[in-house]
Amino acid sequence: MTEITALRTMIPAQATPESEVLPHNIEAEQQLLGAILTNNDIFDRVSSLVKAEHFFDPVHQRIFEIAVARIQRNALASPVTLKSYLEDDEGLKGLGGPAYLARIAGAAISAYAARDYAQMIYELAVRRELMRLGQDITDRARRVAVDSDPKEQIIEAAHRPYTLAEQGTAEKGFVSSLKATQNAAVPAE
């Protein structure tokens, strides 16, 4: 774990209130990406759970997108093969350049936990979206406008969590909207 701690300190401090408040786990993102870059078969185990937009770090989103595109074309996604796609990425340069890819791959502990990391990344993304949803509802309720009927806002506000809850349940089969909302809103014990 000391390797991951060292990796984390390399991430530039982006002291924004948002990054301090929104739930995320950079180490889980690094572990999952490292596992995928060392064993592309891991992507098959996590593809139904996590998408690029679920990653908190924008650089991790881009790494995941490029890795997925290569894997889906039956091409190798490794630190070496992704290097040419990301050499000019300003965010990656801030993390140490293409060597960062090799470091996260080298620091990946093992493949057995990849699914747990993917689940964690997904759940944290849902929590961030719930927070955005709550903020959006609050912001819309504050605005008093002729075309802003409170009853319509209530209906829309009630519908949006169902839409959010139904995402990411592909492996679970049919899940009622109520159960999906409960699953997304209540942390697993």
C-alpha atoms as a PDB file:
ATOM      1  CA  MET A   1       0.000   0.000   0.000  1.00  0.00           C
ATOM      2  CA  THR A   2       2.937   2.357   0.381  1.00  0.00           C
ATOM      3  CA  GLU A   3       3.187   2.437  -3.411  1.00  0.00           C
ATOM      4  CA  ILE A   4      -0.393   3.724  -3.692  1.00  0.00           C
ATOM      5  CA  THR A   5       0.224   6.310  -1.012  1.00  0.00           C
ATOM      6  CA  ALA A   6       3.213   7.525  -2.996  1.00  0.00           C
ATOM      7  CA  LEU A   7       1.085   7.672  -6.144  1.00  0.00           C
ATOM      8  CA  ARG A   8      -1.569   9.684  -4.393  1.00  0.00           C
ATOM      9  CA  THR A   9       0.889  12.335  -3.273  1.00  0.00           C
ATOM     10  CA  MET A  10       1.856  12.816  -6.899  1.00  0.00           C
ATOM     11  CA  ILE A  11      -1.650  13.971  -7.773  1.00  0.00           C
ATOM     12  CA  PRO A  12      -1.590  17.773  -7.803  1.00  0.00           C
ATOM     13  CA  ALA A  13      -3.594  19.283  -4.999  1.00  0.00           C
ATOM     14  CA  GLN A  14      -6.637  20.764  -6.607  1.00  0.00           C
ATOM     15  CA  ALA A  15      -7.927  22.514  -3.530  1.00  0.00           C
ATOM     16  CA  THR A  16     -11.435  23.070  -4.755  1.00  0.00           C
ATOM     17  CA  PRO A  17     -14.346  22.900  -2.389  1.00  0.00           C
ATOM     18  CA  GLU A  18     -15.980  20.403  -4.765  1.00  0.00           C
ATOM     19  CA  SER A  19     -13.135  17.884  -4.570  1.00  0.00           C
ATOM     20  CA  GLU A  20     -13.165  18.098  -0.785  1.00  0.00           C
ATOM     21  CA  VAL A  21     -16.908  17.537  -0.551  1.00  0.00           C
ATOM     22  CA  LEU A  22     -17.783  15.073  -3.312  1.00  0.00           C
ATOM     23  CA  PRO A  23     -17.278  11.415  -2.404  1.00  0.00           C
ATOM     24  CA  HIS A  24     -14.469   9.719  -4.314  1.00  0.00           C
ATOM     25  CA  ASN A  25     -11.625   7.244  -3.871  1.00  0.00           C
ATOM     26  CA  ILE A  26      -8.589   7.954  -6.028  1.00  0.00           C
ATOM     27  CA  GLU A  27      -6.798   4.852  -4.740  1.00  0.00           C
ATOM     28  CA  ALA A  28      -9.652   2.567  -5.867  1.00  0.00           C
ATOM     29  CA  GLU A  29      -9.568   4.217  -9.285  1.00  0.00           C
ATOM     30  CA  GLN A  30      -5.802   3.688  -9.499  1.00  0.00           C
ATOM     31  CA  GLN A  31      -6.106   0.051  -8.413  1.00  0.00           C
ATOM     32  CA  LEU A  32      -8.833  -0.730 -10.957  1.00  0.00           C
ATOM     33  CA  LEU A  33      -7.024   0.994 -13.812  1.00  0.00           C
ATOM     34  CA  GLY A  34      -3.748  -0.695 -12.867  1.00  0.00           C
ATOM     35  CA  ALA A  35      -5.448  -4.093 -12.762  1.00  0.00           C
ATOM     36  CA  ILE A  36      -7.010  -3.546 -16.201  1.00  0.00           C
ATOM     37  CA  LEU A  37      -3.710  -2.366 -17.666  1.00  0.00           C
ATOM     38  CA  THR A  38      -1.944  -5.497 -16.389  1.00  0.00           C
ATOM     39  CA  ASN A  39      -4.740  -7.937 -17.282  1.00  0.00           C
ATOM     40  CA  ASN A  40      -7.247  -6.810 -19.920  1.00  0.00           C
ATOM     41  CA  ASP A  41      -9.556  -9.728 -19.066  1.00  0.00           C
ATOM     42  CA  ILE A  42     -10.466  -7.867 -15.880  1.00  0.00           C
ATOM     43  CA  PHE A  43     -12.405  -5.391 -17.983  1.00  0.00           C
ATOM     44  CA  ASP A  44     -14.922  -8.146 -18.778  1.00  0.00           C
ATOM     45  CA  ARG A  45     -15.535  -8.610 -15.049  1.00  0.00           C
ATOM     46  CA  VAL A  46     -16.244  -4.927 -14.409  1.00  0.00           C
ATOM     47  CA  SER A  47     -17.685  -3.616 -17.694  1.00  0.00           C
ATOM     48  CA  SER A  48     -21.286  -3.958 -16.517  1.00  0.00           C
ATOM     49  CA  LEU A  49     -20.526  -1.968 -13.351  1.00  0.00           C
ATOM     50  CA  VAL A  50     -18.324   0.946 -14.222  1.00  0.00           C
ATOM     51  CA  LYS A  51     -18.108   3.394 -17.111  1.00  0.00           C
ATOM     52  CA  ALA A  52     -15.637   6.195 -17.755  1.00  0.00           C
ATOM     53  CA  GLU A  53     -17.994   8.820 -16.359  1.00  0.00           C
ATOM     54  CA  HIS A  54     -18.023   7.034 -12.996  1.00  0.00           C
ATOM     55  CA  PHE A  55     -14.374   7.922 -12.369  1.00  0.00           C
ATOM     56  CA  PHE A  56     -13.897  11.074 -10.317  1.00  0.00           C
ATOM     57  CA  ASP A  57     -10.513  12.011 -11.747  1.00  0.00           C
ATOM     58  CA  PRO A  58     -10.790  13.271 -15.357  1.00  0.00           C
ATOM     59  CA  VAL A  59      -7.400  11.746 -16.239  1.00  0.00           C
ATOM     60  CA  HIS A  60      -8.623   8.373 -14.980  1.00  0.00           C
ATOM     61  CA  GLN A  61     -11.736   8.791 -17.134  1.00  0.00           C
ATOM     62  CA  ARG A  62      -9.567   9.290 -20.223  1.00  0.00           C
ATOM     63  CA  ILE A  63      -7.268   6.377 -19.356  1.00  0.00           C
ATOM     64  CA  PHE A  64     -10.307   4.129 -18.915  1.00  0.00           C
ATOM     65  CA  GLU A  65     -11.920   5.317 -22.186  1.00  0.00           C
ATOM     66  CA  ILE A  66      -8.790   4.629 -24.215  1.00  0.00           C
ATOM     67  CA  ALA A  67      -8.189   1.265 -22.537  1.00  0.00           C
ATOM     68  CA  VAL A  68     -11.789   0.224 -23.187  1.00  0.00           C
ATOM     69  CA  ALA A  69     -11.618   1.305 -26.836  1.00  0.00           C
ATOM     70  CA  ARG A  70      -8.485  -0.794 -27.348  1.00  0.00           C
ATOM     71  CA  ILE A  71      -9.857  -3.808 -25.469  1.00  0.00           C
ATOM     72  CA  GLN A  72     -13.099  -3.721 -27.463  1.00  0.00           C
ATOM     73  CA  ARG A  73     -11.034  -3.804 -30.671  1.00  0.00           C
ATOM     74  CA  ASN A  74      -9.185  -6.870 -29.310  1.00  0.00           C
ATOM     75  CA  ALA A  75      -6.033  -4.804 -28.977  1.00  0.00           C
ATOM     76  CA  LEU A  76      -3.778  -4.746 -25.953  1.00  0.00           C
ATOM     77  CA  ALA A  77      -4.375  -1.975 -23.421  1.00  0.00           C
ATOM     78  CA  SER A  78      -1.191  -1.589 -21.402  1.00  0.00           C
ATOM     79  CA  PRO A  79       0.911   1.313 -20.156  1.00  0.00           C
ATOM     80  CA  VAL A  80       3.066   0.968 -23.294  1.00  0.00           C
ATOM     81  CA  THR A  81       0.158   0.910 -25.759  1.00  0.00           C
ATOM     82  CA  LEU A  82      -1.746   3.756 -24.065  1.00  0.00           C
ATOM     83  CA  LYS A  83       1.338   5.968 -23.855  1.00  0.00           C
ATOM     84  CA  SER A  84       1.088   7.293 -27.416  1.00  0.00           C
ATOM     85  CA  TYR A  85      -2.588   8.206 -26.943  1.00  0.00           C
ATOM     86  CA  LEU A  86      -1.940  10.157 -23.744  1.00  0.00           C
ATOM     87  CA  GLU A  87       1.517  11.702 -24.200  1.00  0.00           C
ATOM     88  CA  ASP A  88       0.076  15.167 -24.854  1.00  0.00           C
ATOM     89  CA  ASP A  89      -2.621  14.954 -22.172  1.00  0.00           C
ATOM     90  CA  GLU A  90      -2.073  17.936 -19.856  1.00  0.00           C
ATOM     91  CA  GLY A  91      -3.745  16.189 -16.921  1.00  0.00           C
ATOM     92  CA  LEU A  92      -1.491  13.164 -17.272  1.00  0.00           C
ATOM     93  CA  LYS A  93       1.555  15.433 -17.514  1.00  0.00           C
ATOM     94  CA  GLY A  94       0.546  16.845 -14.133  1.00  0.00           C
ATOM     95  CA  LEU A  95       0.659  13.321 -12.710  1.00  0.00           C
ATOM     96  CA  GLY A  96       4.112  12.576 -14.086  1.00  0.00           C
ATOM     97  CA  GLY A  97       3.358  11.874 -17.732  1.00  0.00           C
ATOM     98  CA  PRO A  98       3.154   8.419 -19.301  1.00  0.00           C
ATOM     99  CA  ALA A  99       5.262   7.012 -16.448  1.00  0.00           C
ATOM    100  CA  TYR A 100       2.123   7.385 -14.301  1.00  0.00           C
ATOM    101  CA  LEU A 101       0.524   4.592 -16.363  1.00  0.00           C
ATOM    102  CA  ALA A 102       3.405   2.265 -15.530  1.00  0.00           C
ATOM    103  CA  ARG A 103       3.268   3.243 -11.857  1.00  0.00           C
ATOM    104  CA  ILE A 104      -0.452   2.504 -11.453  1.00  0.00           C
ATOM    105  CA  ALA A 105      -0.032  -0.787 -13.315  1.00  0.00           C
ATOM    106  CA  GLY A 106       2.929  -1.710 -11.133  1.00  0.00           C
ATOM    107  CA  ALA A 107       1.113  -0.737  -7.945  1.00  0.00           C
ATOM    108  CA  ALA A 108      -2.014  -2.764  -8.694  1.00  0.00           C
ATOM    109  CA  ILE A 109      -2.192  -5.255  -5.849  1.00  0.00           C
ATOM    110  CA  SER A 110      -4.186  -8.014  -7.531  1.00  0.00           C
ATOM    111  CA  ALA A 111      -7.016  -8.795  -9.851  1.00  0.00           C
ATOM    112  CA  TYR A 112      -9.236 -10.441  -7.248  1.00  0.00           C
ATOM    113  CA  ALA A 113     -10.413  -7.094  -5.825  1.00  0.00           C
ATOM    114  CA  ALA A 114     -11.099  -5.424  -9.178  1.00  0.00           C
ATOM    115  CA  ARG A 115     -14.835  -6.049  -9.004  1.00  0.00           C
ATOM    116  CA  ASP A 116     -15.004  -4.561  -5.500  1.00  0.00           C
ATOM    117  CA  TYR A 117     -13.091  -1.491  -6.647  1.00  0.00           C
ATOM    118  CA  ALA A 118     -15.415  -1.122  -9.638  1.00  0.00           C
ATOM    119  CA  GLN A 119     -18.468  -1.400  -7.378  1.00  0.00           C
ATOM    120  CA  MET A 120     -17.015   1.228  -5.047  1.00  0.00           C
ATOM    121  CA  ILE A 121     -16.255   3.610  -7.932  1.00  0.00           C
ATOM    122  CA  TYR A 122     -19.797   3.167  -9.244  1.00  0.00           C
ATOM    123  CA  GLU A 123     -21.416   3.727  -5.839  1.00  0.00           C
ATOM    124  CA  LEU A 124     -19.353   6.857  -5.206  1.00  0.00           C
ATOM    125  CA  ALA A 125     -20.386   8.171  -8.641  1.00  0.00           C
ATOM    126  CA  VAL A 126     -24.045   7.568  -7.739  1.00  0.00           C
ATOM    127  CA  ARG A 127     -23.547   9.466  -4.486  1.00  0.00           C
ATOM    128  CA  ARG A 128     -22.007  12.395  -6.392  1.00  0.00           C
ATOM    129  CA  GLU A 129     -24.932  12.363  -8.792  1.00  0.00           C
ATOM    130  CA  LEU A 130     -27.404  12.286  -5.908  1.00  0.00           C
ATOM    131  CA  MET A 131     -25.666  15.325  -4.452  1.00  0.00           C
ATOM    132  CA  ARG A 132     -25.857  17.110  -7.830  1.00  0.00           C
ATOM    133  CA  LEU A 133     -29.495  16.140  -8.125  1.00  0.00           C
ATOM    134  CA  GLY A 134     -30.263  17.521  -4.669  1.00  0.00           C
ATOM    135  CA  GLN A 135     -28.422  20.746  -5.490  1.00  0.00           C
ATOM    136  CA  ASP A 136     -30.283  21.069  -8.791  1.00  0.00           C
ATOM    137  CA  ILE A 137     -33.633  20.576  -7.069  1.00  0.00           C
ATOM    138  CA  THR A 138     -32.677  23.185  -4.469  1.00  0.00           C
ATOM    139  CA  ASP A 139     -31.508  25.650  -7.130  1.00  0.00           C
ATOM    140  CA  ARG A 140     -34.682  25.243  -9.187  1.00  0.00           C
ATOM    141  CA  ALA A 141     -36.871  25.633  -6.090  1.00  0.00           C
ATOM    142  CA  ARG A 142     -35.124  28.906  -5.225  1.00  0.00           C
ATOM    143  CA  ARG A 143     -35.933  30.435  -8.610  1.00  0.00           C
ATOM    144  CA  VAL A 144     -39.359  31.937  -8.709  1.00  0.00           C
ATOM    145  CA  ALA A 145     -40.365  32.227 -12.345  1.00  0.00           C
ATOM    146  CA  VAL A 146     -43.598  32.211 -14.298  1.00  0.00           C
ATOM    147  CA  ASP A 147     -42.645  29.068 -16.215  1.00  0.00           C
ATOM    148  CA  SER A 148     -41.489  27.249 -13.082  1.00  0.00           C
ATOM    149  CA  ASP A 149     -44.489  25.504 -11.553  1.00  0.00           C
ATOM    150  CA  PRO A 150     -43.654  23.933  -8.171  1.00  0.00           C
ATOM    151  CA  LYS A 151     -45.912  20.934  -8.858  1.00  0.00           C
ATOM    152  CA  GLU A 152     -44.006  20.183 -12.064  1.00  0.00           C
ATOM    153  CA  GLN A 153     -40.763  20.496 -10.129  1.00  0.00           C
ATOM    154  CA  ILE A 154     -42.027  17.934  -7.622  1.00  0.00           C
ATOM    155  CA  ILE A 155     -42.937  15.488 -10.389  1.00  0.00           C
ATOM    156  CA  GLU A 156     -39.562  15.933 -12.086  1.00  0.00           C
ATOM    157  CA  ALA A 157     -37.719  15.711  -8.764  1.00  0.00           C
ATOM    158  CA  ALA A 158     -39.525  12.462  -7.957  1.00  0.00           C
ATOM    159  CA  HIS A 159     -38.733  10.940 -11.364  1.00  0.00           C
ATOM    160  CA  ARG A 160     -35.007  11.732 -11.556  1.00  0.00           C
ATOM    161  CA  PRO A 161     -33.866   9.439  -8.703  1.00  0.00           C
ATOM    162  CA  TYR A 162     -35.659   6.521 -10.386  1.00  0.00           C
ATOM    163  CA  THR A 163     -33.757   7.170 -13.597  1.00  0.00           C
ATOM    164  CA  LEU A 164     -30.505   7.347 -11.679  1.00  0.00           C
ATOM    165  CA  ALA A 165     -31.259   4.187  -9.705  1.00  0.00           C
ATOM    166  CA  GLU A 166     -31.997   2.140 -12.820  1.00  0.00           C
ATOM    167  CA  GLN A 167     -28.499   2.766 -14.193  1.00  0.00           C
ATOM    168  CA  GLY A 168     -25.853   0.170 -13.442  1.00  0.00           C
ATOM    169  CA  THR A 169     -28.237  -2.688 -12.676  1.00  0.00           C
ATOM    170  CA  ALA A 170     -27.610  -4.707 -15.855  1.00  0.00           C
ATOM    171  CA  GLU A 171     -26.314  -7.787 -14.027  1.00  0.00           C
ATOM    172  CA  LYS A 172     -29.075  -7.830 -11.461  1.00  0.00           C
ATOM    173  CA  GLY A 173     -31.894  -8.422 -13.945  1.00  0.00           C
ATOM    174  CA  PHE A 174     -35.206  -6.637 -13.503  1.00  0.00           C
ATOM    175  CA  VAL A 175     -35.305  -4.403 -10.473  1.00  0.00           C
ATOM    176  CA  SER A 176     -38.354  -2.342  -9.598  1.00  0.00           C
ATOM    177  CA  SER A 177     -37.866   1.426  -9.569  1.00  0.00           C
ATOM    178  CA  LEU A 178     -38.535   1.505  -5.833  1.00  0.00           C
ATOM    179  CA  LYS A 179     -35.962  -1.218  -5.106  1.00  0.00           C
ATOM    180  CA  ALA A 180     -33.432   0.369  -7.469  1.00  0.00           C
ATOM    181  CA  THR A 181     -33.847   3.718  -5.711  1.00  0.00           C
ATOM    182  CA  GLN A 182     -33.372   2.051  -2.335  1.00  0.00           C
ATOM    183  CA  ASN A 183     -30.268   0.250  -3.601  1.00  0.00           C
ATOM    184  CA  ALA A 184     -28.765   3.488  -4.917  1.00  0.00           C
ATOM    185  CA  ALA A 185     -29.676   5.610  -1.907  1.00  0.00           C
ATOM    186  CA  VAL A 186     -28.893   3.238   0.954  1.00  0.00           C
ATOM    187  CA  PRO A 187     -25.300   2.033   1.394  1.00  0.00           C
ATOM    188  CA  ALA A 188     -24.793  -1.714   1.445  1.00  0.00           C
ATOM    189  CA  GLU A 189     -24.058  -3.175   4.877  1.00  0.00           C
END
